C-alpha atoms as a PDB file:
ATOM      1  CA  MET A   1     -17.236 -16.787   9.816  1.00  0.00           C
ATOM      2  CA  SER A   2     -15.582 -15.357  13.184  1.00  0.00           C
ATOM      3  CA  ALA A   3     -11.895 -14.977  13.501  1.00  0.00           C
ATOM      4  CA  ARG A   4     -11.834 -17.927  15.962  1.00  0.00           C
ATOM      5  CA  ASP A   5     -13.336 -20.199  13.163  1.00  0.00           C
ATOM      6  CA  ALA A   6     -11.057 -18.966  10.780  1.00  0.00           C
ATOM      7  CA  SER A   7      -7.977 -19.623  13.008  1.00  0.00           C
ATOM      8  CA  ARG A   8      -9.185 -23.415  13.132  1.00  0.00           C
ATOM      9  CA  ARG A   9      -8.488 -23.745   9.156  1.00  0.00           C
ATOM     10  CA  GLU A  10      -5.899 -26.099   8.144  1.00  0.00           C
ATOM     11  CA  SER A  11      -5.643 -24.816   4.612  1.00  0.00           C
ATOM     12  CA  VAL A  12      -6.251 -21.411   2.930  1.00  0.00           C
ATOM     13  CA  LEU A  13      -6.678 -20.378  -0.737  1.00  0.00           C
ATOM     14  CA  VAL A  14      -5.990 -16.825  -1.847  1.00  0.00           C
ATOM     15  CA  ALA A  15      -5.281 -14.770  -4.980  1.00  0.00           C
ATOM     16  CA  LEU A  16      -4.070 -11.356  -5.679  1.00  0.00           C
ATOM     17  CA  LEU A  17      -5.936  -9.524  -8.725  1.00  0.00           C
ATOM     18  CA  GLY A  18      -4.590  -6.403 -10.408  1.00  0.00           C
ATOM     19  CA  GLN A  19      -2.157  -5.273 -13.223  1.00  0.00           C
ATOM     20  CA  GLY A  20       1.511  -5.804 -13.219  1.00  0.00           C
ATOM     21  CA  VAL A  21       1.299  -7.941 -10.234  1.00  0.00           C
ATOM     22  CA  GLY A  22       3.528 -10.749 -11.512  1.00  0.00           C
ATOM     23  CA  PRO A  23       6.476  -9.602  -9.522  1.00  0.00           C
ATOM     24  CA  SER A  24       4.652  -9.144  -6.145  1.00  0.00           C
ATOM     25  CA  LEU A  25       6.193 -10.188  -3.072  1.00  0.00           C
ATOM     26  CA  THR A  26       2.951 -10.463  -1.176  1.00  0.00           C
ATOM     27  CA  PRO A  27       2.051 -14.144  -2.203  1.00  0.00           C
ATOM     28  CA  PRO A  28       5.519 -15.502  -0.846  1.00  0.00           C
ATOM     29  CA  MET A  29       5.349 -13.414   2.232  1.00  0.00           C
ATOM     30  CA  HIS A  30       1.793 -14.880   2.860  1.00  0.00           C
ATOM     31  CA  GLU A  31       3.017 -18.445   2.097  1.00  0.00           C
ATOM     32  CA  ARG A  32       6.195 -18.213   4.371  1.00  0.00           C
ATOM     33  CA  GLU A  33       4.091 -16.809   7.104  1.00  0.00           C
ATOM     34  CA  ALA A  34       1.563 -19.821   6.788  1.00  0.00           C
ATOM     35  CA  ASP A  35       4.383 -22.295   6.808  1.00  0.00           C
ATOM     36  CA  ARG A  36       5.378 -20.762  10.283  1.00  0.00           C
ATOM     37  CA  HIS A  37       1.619 -21.553  11.460  1.00  0.00           C
ATOM     38  CA  GLY A  38       1.590 -25.192   9.791  1.00  0.00           C
ATOM     39  CA  LEU A  39      -1.028 -23.973   7.326  1.00  0.00           C
ATOM     40  CA  ARG A  40      -1.349 -25.325   3.736  1.00  0.00           C
ATOM     41  CA  TYR A  41      -1.595 -21.689   1.951  1.00  0.00           C
ATOM     42  CA  VAL A  42      -1.997 -21.400  -1.744  1.00  0.00           C
ATOM     43  CA  TYR A  43      -1.647 -18.024  -3.239  1.00  0.00           C
ATOM     44  CA  LYS A  44      -2.524 -17.388  -6.620  1.00  0.00           C
ATOM     45  CA  ILE A  45      -1.677 -14.401  -9.055  1.00  0.00           C
ATOM     46  CA  VAL A  46      -4.192 -13.246 -11.597  1.00  0.00           C
ATOM     47  CA  ASP A  47      -2.514 -10.452 -13.614  1.00  0.00           C
ATOM     48  CA  LEU A  48      -5.326  -8.808 -15.427  1.00  0.00           C
ATOM     49  CA  ASP A  49      -4.977  -7.187 -19.027  1.00  0.00           C
ATOM     50  CA  ASP A  50      -6.767  -3.917 -19.889  1.00  0.00           C
ATOM     51  CA  ARG A  51      -9.959  -5.933 -20.733  1.00  0.00           C
ATOM     52  CA  GLY A  52     -10.026  -7.659 -17.444  1.00  0.00           C
ATOM     53  CA  VAL A  53     -10.485  -4.537 -15.328  1.00  0.00           C
ATOM     54  CA  GLY A  54     -13.995  -3.798 -16.186  1.00  0.00           C
ATOM     55  CA  ALA A  55     -16.829  -4.180 -13.527  1.00  0.00           C
ATOM     56  CA  ASP A  56     -18.384  -7.296 -15.670  1.00  0.00           C
ATOM     57  CA  HIS A  57     -15.214  -9.157 -15.760  1.00  0.00           C
ATOM     58  CA  LEU A  58     -14.418  -8.258 -12.264  1.00  0.00           C
ATOM     59  CA  ALA A  59     -17.852  -9.544 -11.227  1.00  0.00           C
ATOM     60  CA  HIS A  60     -17.389 -12.977 -12.885  1.00  0.00           C
ATOM     61  CA  LEU A  61     -13.851 -13.376 -11.234  1.00  0.00           C
ATOM     62  CA  LEU A  62     -15.558 -12.560  -7.879  1.00  0.00           C
ATOM     63  CA  ASP A  63     -18.360 -15.092  -8.394  1.00  0.00           C
ATOM     64  CA  ALA A  64     -15.827 -17.756  -9.529  1.00  0.00           C
ATOM     65  CA  ALA A  65     -13.712 -17.150  -6.239  1.00  0.00           C
ATOM     66  CA  VAL A  66     -16.730 -17.817  -4.255  1.00  0.00           C
ATOM     67  CA  GLU A  67     -17.855 -20.923  -6.282  1.00  0.00           C
ATOM     68  CA  LEU A  68     -14.313 -22.407  -6.189  1.00  0.00           C
ATOM     69  CA  GLY A  69     -13.894 -21.865  -2.499  1.00  0.00           C
ATOM     70  CA  PHE A  70     -11.443 -19.154  -2.188  1.00  0.00           C
ATOM     71  CA  ASP A  71     -10.970 -17.904   1.198  1.00  0.00           C
ATOM     72  CA  GLY A  72     -10.240 -14.260   0.194  1.00  0.00           C
ATOM     73  CA  LEU A  73      -8.536 -12.082  -2.313  1.00  0.00           C
ATOM     74  CA  ASN A  74      -6.046  -9.217  -2.484  1.00  0.00           C
ATOM     75  CA  VAL A  75      -7.054  -6.291  -4.590  1.00  0.00           C
ATOM     76  CA  THR A  76      -4.786  -3.911  -6.050  1.00  0.00           C
ATOM     77  CA  HIS A  77      -4.214  -1.180  -8.913  1.00  0.00           C
ATOM     78  CA  PRO A  78      -6.221  -0.327 -10.777  1.00  0.00           C
ATOM     79  CA  ILE A  79      -9.383  -2.046  -9.308  1.00  0.00           C
ATOM     80  CA  LYS A  80      -9.587  -0.803  -5.796  1.00  0.00           C
ATOM     81  CA  HIS A  81     -12.523   1.353  -6.174  1.00  0.00           C
ATOM     82  CA  THR A  82     -14.155  -0.740  -9.244  1.00  0.00           C
ATOM     83  CA  MET A  83     -14.506  -3.739  -7.045  1.00  0.00           C
ATOM     84  CA  MET A  84     -16.281  -1.873  -4.283  1.00  0.00           C
ATOM     85  CA  PRO A  85     -20.129  -2.143  -5.555  1.00  0.00           C
ATOM     86  CA  LEU A  86     -19.546  -5.683  -6.443  1.00  0.00           C
ATOM     87  CA  VAL A  87     -19.077  -7.049  -2.999  1.00  0.00           C
ATOM     88  CA  ASP A  88     -21.752  -8.058  -0.672  1.00  0.00           C
ATOM     89  CA  GLU A  89     -20.620  -6.153   2.588  1.00  0.00           C
ATOM     90  CA  LEU A  90     -18.203  -3.189   3.319  1.00  0.00           C
ATOM     91  CA  GLY A  91     -16.159  -3.015   6.386  1.00  0.00           C
ATOM     92  CA  ALA A  92     -16.298   0.031   8.227  1.00  0.00           C
ATOM     93  CA  GLU A  93     -12.892   1.125   7.003  1.00  0.00           C
ATOM     94  CA  VAL A  94     -13.949   0.764   3.471  1.00  0.00           C
ATOM     95  CA  GLU A  95     -17.079   2.713   3.773  1.00  0.00           C
ATOM     96  CA  ARG A  96     -14.982   5.411   5.361  1.00  0.00           C
ATOM     97  CA  ILE A  97     -12.379   5.630   2.678  1.00  0.00           C
ATOM     98  CA  GLY A  98     -14.396   4.362  -0.376  1.00  0.00           C
ATOM     99  CA  ALA A  99     -11.604   1.711  -1.422  1.00  0.00           C
ATOM    100  CA  LEU A 100     -10.714  -1.848  -0.639  1.00  0.00           C
ATOM    101  CA  ASN A 101      -7.534  -3.994  -0.937  1.00  0.00           C
ATOM    102  CA  THR A 102      -8.930  -7.278   0.612  1.00  0.00           C
ATOM    103  CA  VAL A 103     -12.063  -9.307  -0.172  1.00  0.00           C
ATOM    104  CA  LEU A 104     -12.935 -12.021   2.638  1.00  0.00           C
ATOM    105  CA  VAL A 105     -15.207 -14.736   1.474  1.00  0.00           C
ATOM    106  CA  ARG A 106     -17.202 -16.043   4.486  1.00  0.00           C
ATOM    107  CA  ASP A 107     -20.185 -18.445   4.034  1.00  0.00           C
ATOM    108  CA  GLY A 108     -20.608 -17.738   0.307  1.00  0.00           C
ATOM    109  CA  ARG A 109     -20.772 -13.946   1.034  1.00  0.00           C
ATOM    110  CA  THR A 110     -18.062 -11.356   0.188  1.00  0.00           C
ATOM    111  CA  VAL A 111     -16.718  -8.818   2.520  1.00  0.00           C
ATOM    112  CA  ALA A 112     -14.649  -6.074   1.692  1.00  0.00           C
ATOM    113  CA  ARG A 113     -11.712  -4.887   3.965  1.00  0.00           C
ATOM    114  CA  ASN A 114      -8.669  -2.280   3.744  1.00  0.00           C
ATOM    115  CA  THR A 115      -5.335  -2.939   5.200  1.00  0.00           C
ATOM    116  CA  ASP A 116      -3.512  -0.087   3.134  1.00  0.00           C
ATOM    117  CA  VAL A 117      -4.397   2.359   5.838  1.00  0.00           C
ATOM    118  CA  THR A 118      -3.193   0.402   8.779  1.00  0.00           C
ATOM    119  CA  GLY A 119      -0.211  -0.793   6.665  1.00  0.00           C
ATOM    120  CA  PHE A 120       0.933   2.799   5.959  1.00  0.00           C
ATOM    121  CA  SER A 121       0.238   4.260   9.177  1.00  0.00           C
ATOM    122  CA  ARG A 122       2.349   1.511  11.094  1.00  0.00           C
ATOM    123  CA  ALA A 123       5.136   1.804   8.489  1.00  0.00           C
ATOM    124  CA  PHE A 124       5.202   5.715   8.716  1.00  0.00           C
ATOM    125  CA  HIS A 125       5.181   5.826  12.375  1.00  0.00           C
ATOM    126  CA  GLU A 126       8.084   3.249  12.479  1.00  0.00           C
ATOM    127  CA  GLY A 127      10.345   4.650   9.557  1.00  0.00           C
ATOM    128  CA  LEU A 128       9.482   8.484   9.901  1.00  0.00           C
ATOM    129  CA  PRO A 129       8.638   8.849  13.648  1.00  0.00           C
ATOM    130  CA  ASP A 130       9.401  12.623  13.979  1.00  0.00           C
ATOM    131  CA  ALA A 131       8.329  13.797  10.383  1.00  0.00           C
ATOM    132  CA  ASP A 132       6.594  17.284  10.169  1.00  0.00           C
ATOM    133  CA  LEU A 133       2.921  16.647   9.244  1.00  0.00           C
ATOM    134  CA  ASP A 134       1.839  20.295   9.025  1.00  0.00           C
ATOM    135  CA  ASP A 135       1.668  20.631   5.189  1.00  0.00           C
ATOM    136  CA  VAL A 136       2.001  17.157   3.282  1.00  0.00           C
ATOM    137  CA  VAL A 137       1.654  16.807  -0.493  1.00  0.00           C
ATOM    138  CA  LEU A 138       0.032  13.558  -1.784  1.00  0.00           C
ATOM    139  CA  LEU A 139       0.807  12.363  -5.298  1.00  0.00           C
ATOM    140  CA  GLY A 140      -2.310  10.345  -6.520  1.00  0.00           C
ATOM    141  CA  ALA A 141      -6.027  10.182  -5.571  1.00  0.00           C
ATOM    142  CA  GLY A 142      -6.489   6.514  -6.511  1.00  0.00           C
ATOM    143  CA  GLY A 143      -7.484   3.762  -4.154  1.00  0.00           C
ATOM    144  CA  ALA A 144      -3.754   3.749  -2.824  1.00  0.00           C
ATOM    145  CA  GLY A 145      -3.650   7.486  -2.510  1.00  0.00           C
ATOM    146  CA  THR A 146      -7.306   7.466  -0.579  1.00  0.00           C
ATOM    147  CA  ALA A 147      -5.879   4.904   1.793  1.00  0.00           C
ATOM    148  CA  VAL A 148      -2.582   7.066   2.496  1.00  0.00           C
ATOM    149  CA  ALA A 149      -4.666  10.327   2.824  1.00  0.00           C
ATOM    150  CA  HIS A 150      -6.772   8.558   5.614  1.00  0.00           C
ATOM    151  CA  ALA A 151      -3.582   7.233   7.301  1.00  0.00           C
ATOM    152  CA  LEU A 152      -2.206  10.623   7.295  1.00  0.00           C
ATOM    153  CA  SER A 153      -5.295  11.967   9.063  1.00  0.00           C
ATOM    154  CA  ASP A 154      -5.143   9.460  11.616  1.00  0.00           C
ATOM    155  CA  LEU A 155      -1.598  10.258  12.163  1.00  0.00           C
ATOM    156  CA  GLY A 156      -2.330  13.734  12.821  1.00  0.00           C
ATOM    157  CA  ALA A 157      -1.460  15.492   9.637  1.00  0.00           C
ATOM    158  CA  VAL A 158      -2.615  19.370   9.609  1.00  0.00           C
ATOM    159  CA  ARG A 159      -2.780  20.225   5.823  1.00  0.00           C
ATOM    160  CA  LEU A 160      -2.884  17.689   2.880  1.00  0.00           C
ATOM    161  CA  HIS A 161      -2.579  18.892  -0.729  1.00  0.00           C
ATOM    162  CA  VAL A 162      -4.089  16.005  -3.126  1.00  0.00           C
ATOM    163  CA  VAL A 163      -2.221  16.343  -6.374  1.00  0.00           C
ATOM    164  CA  ASP A 164      -3.854  14.304  -9.167  1.00  0.00           C
ATOM    165  CA  PRO A 165      -4.591  15.013 -12.937  1.00  0.00           C
ATOM    166  CA  ASP A 166      -8.081  13.915 -12.455  1.00  0.00           C
ATOM    167  CA  LEU A 167      -9.620  16.735 -10.273  1.00  0.00           C
ATOM    168  CA  ALA A 168     -12.921  15.066  -9.980  1.00  0.00           C
ATOM    169  CA  ARG A 169     -10.998  11.989  -8.371  1.00  0.00           C
ATOM    170  CA  ALA A 170      -9.194  14.342  -5.978  1.00  0.00           C
ATOM    171  CA  ASP A 171     -12.523  16.050  -5.033  1.00  0.00           C
ATOM    172  CA  ASP A 172     -13.823  12.440  -4.109  1.00  0.00           C
ATOM    173  CA  LEU A 173     -10.785  11.802  -1.926  1.00  0.00           C
ATOM    174  CA  ARG A 174     -11.492  15.160  -0.274  1.00  0.00           C
ATOM    175  CA  THR A 175     -15.210  14.411   0.160  1.00  0.00           C
ATOM    176  CA  SER A 176     -14.095  11.047   1.970  1.00  0.00           C
ATOM    177  CA  LEU A 177     -12.357  13.165   4.719  1.00  0.00           C
ATOM    178  CA  ALA A 178     -14.971  15.449   5.176  1.00  0.00           C
ATOM    179  CA  GLU A 179     -15.743  14.466   8.705  1.00  0.00           C
ATOM    180  CA  SER A 180     -12.080  14.393   9.624  1.00  0.00           C
ATOM    181  CA  ALA A 181     -10.208  17.539  11.083  1.00  0.00           C
ATOM    182  CA  LEU A 182      -7.685  17.503   8.155  1.00  0.00           C
ATOM    183  CA  ASP A 183      -7.679  20.384   5.787  1.00  0.00           C
ATOM    184  CA  VAL A 184      -7.629  18.846   2.481  1.00  0.00           C
ATOM    185  CA  ARG A 185      -6.964  20.905  -0.892  1.00  0.00           C
ATOM    186  CA  THR A 186      -6.824  19.772  -4.412  1.00  0.00           C
ATOM    187  CA  SER A 187      -4.615  20.739  -7.252  1.00  0.00           C
ATOM    188  CA  ASP A 188      -3.388  19.300 -10.770  1.00  0.00           C
ATOM    189  CA  PRO A 189       0.096  18.594 -11.354  1.00  0.00           C
ATOM    190  CA  SER A 190       0.692  22.223 -12.575  1.00  0.00           C
ATOM    191  CA  GLY A 191       0.702  23.412  -9.066  1.00  0.00           C
ATOM    192  CA  LEU A 192       3.317  21.112  -7.833  1.00  0.00           C
ATOM    193  CA  GLU A 193       6.369  23.558  -7.651  1.00  0.00           C
ATOM    194  CA  ALA A 194       4.530  25.938  -5.633  1.00  0.00           C
ATOM    195  CA  LEU A 195       3.126  23.484  -2.997  1.00  0.00           C
ATOM    196  CA  LEU A 196       6.645  21.732  -2.576  1.00  0.00           C
ATOM    197  CA  ALA A 197       8.067  25.271  -1.982  1.00  0.00           C
ATOM    198  CA  ARG A 198       6.229  25.237   1.283  1.00  0.00           C
ATOM    199  CA  ALA A 199       5.530  21.641   2.033  1.00  0.00           C
ATOM    200  CA  SER A 200       6.936  19.657   4.858  1.00  0.00           C
ATOM    201  CA  GLY A 201       6.815  16.346   3.304  1.00  0.00           C
ATOM    202  CA  ILE A 202       5.415  14.390   0.060  1.00  0.00           C
ATOM    203  CA  VAL A 203       3.964  10.951  -0.704  1.00  0.00           C
ATOM    204  CA  ASN A 204       3.907   9.267  -4.062  1.00  0.00           C
ATOM    205  CA  ALA A 205       0.770   7.149  -4.162  1.00  0.00           C
ATOM    206  CA  THR A 206       0.889   6.907  -7.965  1.00  0.00           C
ATOM    207  CA  PRO A 207       2.043   3.910 -10.152  1.00  0.00           C
ATOM    208  CA  LEU A 208       4.862   6.008 -11.372  1.00  0.00           C
ATOM    209  CA  GLY A 209       8.219   4.465 -10.283  1.00  0.00           C
ATOM    210  CA  MET A 210       6.988   1.027 -10.584  1.00  0.00           C
ATOM    211  CA  ALA A 211       8.923  -1.471 -12.809  1.00  0.00           C
ATOM    212  CA  HIS A 212       6.187  -1.287 -15.431  1.00  0.00           C
ATOM    213  CA  HIS A 213       5.803   2.635 -14.949  1.00  0.00           C
ATOM    214  CA  PRO A 214       9.359   3.770 -14.729  1.00  0.00           C
ATOM    215  CA  GLY A 215      10.277   7.469 -13.921  1.00  0.00           C
ATOM    216  CA  THR A 216       9.600  10.139 -11.157  1.00  0.00           C
ATOM    217  CA  PRO A 217       6.424  12.132 -10.365  1.00  0.00           C
ATOM    218  CA  VAL A 218       8.826  14.858  -8.951  1.00  0.00           C
ATOM    219  CA  PRO A 219      11.384  16.722 -10.883  1.00  0.00           C
ATOM    220  CA  GLY A 220      14.569  16.217  -8.796  1.00  0.00           C
ATOM    221  CA  GLU A 221      15.083  20.145  -8.514  1.00  0.00           C
ATOM    222  CA  LEU A 222      12.090  20.455  -6.580  1.00  0.00           C
ATOM    223  CA  LEU A 223      13.377  18.410  -3.845  1.00  0.00           C
ATOM    224  CA  THR A 224      15.288  20.043  -0.814  1.00  0.00           C
ATOM    225  CA  SER A 225      16.786  18.493   2.245  1.00  0.00           C
ATOM    226  CA  ARG A 226      13.848  19.962   4.398  1.00  0.00           C
ATOM    227  CA  LEU A 227      11.458  17.654   2.762  1.00  0.00           C
ATOM    228  CA  TRP A 228      10.822  14.096   4.005  1.00  0.00           C
ATOM    229  CA  VAL A 229       9.808  11.819   0.978  1.00  0.00           C
ATOM    230  CA  ALA A 230       7.740   8.620   1.041  1.00  0.00           C
ATOM    231  CA  ASP A 231       7.041   6.405  -1.865  1.00  0.00           C
ATOM    232  CA  ILE A 232       4.416   3.360  -1.518  1.00  0.00           C
ATOM    233  CA  VAL A 233       6.003   1.727  -4.560  1.00  0.00           C
ATOM    234  CA  TYR A 234       8.325  -1.341  -3.444  1.00  0.00           C
ATOM    235  CA  ARG A 235       8.843  -2.784  -6.965  1.00  0.00           C
ATOM    236  CA  PRO A 236      11.561  -1.523  -7.244  1.00  0.00           C
ATOM    237  CA  LEU A 237      12.135  -0.727  -3.733  1.00  0.00           C
ATOM    238  CA  THR A 238      14.576   2.112  -4.439  1.00  0.00           C
ATOM    239  CA  THR A 239      12.586   4.284  -6.929  1.00  0.00           C
ATOM    240  CA  GLU A 240      13.956   6.931  -9.066  1.00  0.00           C
ATOM    241  CA  LEU A 241      12.145   9.307  -6.534  1.00  0.00           C
ATOM    242  CA  LEU A 242      13.850   7.957  -3.445  1.00  0.00           C
ATOM    243  CA  ARG A 243      17.204   7.862  -5.022  1.00  0.00           C
ATOM    244  CA  THR A 244      16.901  11.546  -6.094  1.00  0.00           C
ATOM    245  CA  ALA A 245      15.571  12.328  -2.703  1.00  0.00           C
ATOM    246  CA  ARG A 246      18.547  10.712  -0.695  1.00  0.00           C
ATOM    247  CA  ALA A 247      21.097  12.413  -2.855  1.00  0.00           C
ATOM    248  CA  ARG A 248      19.570  15.707  -1.948  1.00  0.00           C
ATOM    249  CA  GLY A 249      19.618  15.086   1.707  1.00  0.00           C
ATOM    250  CA  CYS A 250      15.687  14.105   2.487  1.00  0.00           C
ATOM    251  CA  PRO A 251      14.691  11.777   5.042  1.00  0.00           C
ATOM    252  CA  THR A 252      12.773   8.912   3.048  1.00  0.00           C
ATOM    253  CA  LEU A 253      10.448   6.023   3.528  1.00  0.00           C
ATOM    254  CA  SER A 254      10.292   3.271   1.173  1.00  0.00           C
ATOM    255  CA  GLY A 255       7.115   1.139   0.356  1.00  0.00           C
ATOM    256  CA  ALA A 256       8.816  -1.736   2.194  1.00  0.00           C
ATOM    257  CA  GLY A 257       7.051  -1.195   5.570  1.00  0.00           C
ATOM    258  CA  MET A 258       3.579  -0.625   4.110  1.00  0.00           C
ATOM    259  CA  ALA A 259       4.071  -3.863   1.748  1.00  0.00           C
ATOM    260  CA  VAL A 260       4.969  -5.892   5.230  1.00  0.00           C
ATOM    261  CA  HIS A 261       2.427  -4.512   7.390  1.00  0.00           C
ATOM    262  CA  GLN A 262      -0.391  -4.582   5.149  1.00  0.00           C
ATOM    263  CA  ALA A 263       0.371  -8.180   4.221  1.00  0.00           C
ATOM    264  CA  ALA A 264       0.639  -9.118   7.869  1.00  0.00           C
ATOM    265  CA  ASP A 265      -2.771  -7.440   8.484  1.00  0.00           C
ATOM    266  CA  THR A 266      -4.549  -8.983   5.610  1.00  0.00           C
ATOM    267  CA  PHE A 267      -2.868 -12.409   6.816  1.00  0.00           C
ATOM    268  CA  GLU A 268      -4.462 -12.077  10.065  1.00  0.00           C
ATOM    269  CA  LEU A 269      -7.909 -11.287   8.383  1.00  0.00           C
ATOM    270  CA  LEU A 270      -7.791 -14.211   6.349  1.00  0.00           C
ATOM    271  CA  THR A 271      -6.616 -16.925   9.066  1.00  0.00           C
ATOM    272  CA  GLY A 272      -7.433 -15.369  12.387  1.00  0.00           C
ATOM    273  CA  ARG A 273      -3.995 -15.938  13.426  1.00  0.00           C
ATOM    274  CA  THR A 274      -1.325 -13.387  14.691  1.00  0.00           C
ATOM    275  CA  ALA A 275       1.371 -12.568  12.295  1.00  0.00           C
ATOM    276  CA  HIS A 276       4.959 -12.853  13.013  1.00  0.00           C
ATOM    277  CA  ARG A 277       5.945  -9.681  11.771  1.00  0.00           C
ATOM    278  CA  GLU A 278       9.490  -9.482  12.636  1.00  0.00           C
ATOM    279  CA  GLU A 279       9.904 -12.753  10.541  1.00  0.00           C
ATOM    280  CA  MET A 280       7.908 -11.263   7.683  1.00  0.00           C
ATOM    281  CA  PHE A 281      10.284  -8.510   7.570  1.00  0.00           C
ATOM    282  CA  ARG A 282      13.220 -10.563   7.639  1.00  0.00           C
ATOM    283  CA  ASP A 283      11.381 -12.725   4.705  1.00  0.00           C
ATOM    284  CA  PHE A 284      10.963  -9.451   2.771  1.00  0.00           C
ATOM    285  CA  ASP A 285      14.744  -8.547   3.348  1.00  0.00           C
ATOM    286  CA  GLU A 286      15.774 -11.817   2.139  1.00  0.00           C
ATOM    287  CA  MET A 287      13.578 -12.031  -1.102  1.00  0.00           C
ATOM    288  CA  VAL A 288      14.815  -8.409  -2.275  1.00  0.00           C
ATOM    289  CA  SER A 289      18.364  -9.202  -1.342  1.00  0.00           C
ATOM    290  CA  ALA A 290      18.123 -12.223  -3.443  1.00  0.00           C
ATOM    291  CA  GLU A 291      17.026 -10.225  -6.542  1.00  0.00           C
ATOM    292  CA  THR A 292      19.215  -7.242  -6.045  1.00  0.00           C
ATOM    293  CA  GLY A 293      22.320  -9.434  -4.879  1.00  0.00           C
ATOM    294  CA  SER A 294      22.706  -7.043  -2.109  1.00  0.00           C
ATOM    295  CA  SER A 295      21.125  -6.581   1.399  1.00  0.00           C
ATOM    296  CA  HIS A 296      22.105  -2.680   1.379  1.00  0.00           C
ATOM    297  CA  ASP A 297      19.595  -2.236  -1.516  1.00  0.00           C
ATOM    298  CA  THR A 298      16.592  -3.506   0.571  1.00  0.00           C
ATOM    299  CA  ASP A 299      15.710  -0.178   2.598  1.00  0.00           C
ATOM    300  CA  VAL A 300      13.408  -2.213   4.873  1.00  0.00           C
ATOM    301  CA  ASP A 301      12.111   0.715   6.921  1.00  0.00           C
ATOM    302  CA  HIS A 302      11.789  -1.217  10.298  1.00  0.00           C
ATOM    303  CA  PRO A 303      13.469  -0.292  13.588  1.00  0.00           C
ATOM    304  CA  THR A 304      15.177  -3.867  13.768  1.00  0.00           C
ATOM    305  CA  HIS A 305      16.510  -3.463  10.265  1.00  0.00           C
ATOM    306  CA  ARG A 306      17.833   0.003  10.209  1.00  0.00           C
ATOM    307  CA  SER A 307      21.306  -1.059  11.001  1.00  0.00           C
ATOM    308  CA  ARG A 308      21.614  -2.599   7.495  1.00  0.00           C
ATOM    309  CA  ASP A 309      21.068   0.776   5.672  1.00  0.00           C
ATOM    310  CA  THR A 310      24.144   2.648   4.454  1.00  0.00           C
ATOM    311  CA  SER A 311      24.372   6.611   4.912  1.00  0.00           C
ATOM    312  CA  GLY A 312      23.852   6.943   1.297  1.00  0.00           C
ATOM    313  CA  GLU A 313      20.622   5.179   1.273  1.00  0.00           C
ATOM    314  CA  ARG A 314      18.830   6.548   4.367  1.00  0.00           C
ATOM    315  CA  ASN A 315      18.899  10.030   5.985  1.00  0.00           C
ATOM    316  CA  GLN A 316      17.232  10.154   9.286  1.00  0.00           C
END
């Protein structure tokens, strides 16, 4: 089905698959945006337990989604790689990076797409436009980390150190970038201190810092003000890593911009309609503010929202 055909739809049925996705703001972001387009939009959450992340069960869920008339799925941690062999067709960007975060259902066939790359690229460009990309440390080589690595390559990064306890997975990420000009090196976490001593910035693409995985992947004493620090986690929005980085004078980027832009990109793929991104940022800000009780905690990394940050929360 073409984008033009999709834009004629009056109703859309979508689901989010992953672990710990109950608090996700993606469903209400999609539904609020659909209201602005006059669409009936139902977005279900499928929170998988450990038994539900295997290929056999995921194949069953994918078949059920097709049979039940779903228009698409969002896919998140920890199944972005596992789902790939199960879909009928891979988008060019999925073939390039080896991970998906969206599955479109079109005429009984499933098509894998990835909006994490574009979501992170746009968020980074808006939130840290002057960041030094000469020597970047990336924590995590999973599906999200792979997307971030390709986004950094597209943004013009020179050298990338991929840090992951699973060196085979880190090597797979490096292989996926073999045709790029990016100099990719791999390391386990034991080498983190030496890498950060000469790095220009760091991105956390691990689950550490999420509500269900509290903590920080970087000891606070390793953070200095010459480093910029980005975290793709957005629940909570102000992670322990970002809180420590700000206290040490580091420019920071929260997961807000990536969350909104990838949601907007996915909405456009599902519906064929142009998302109102400014309104989606306001929706995100409103929802986070409602949870925290203060708009100063939202840290939405978008030019139209920077006036709401306090000096203690952002260091440009």
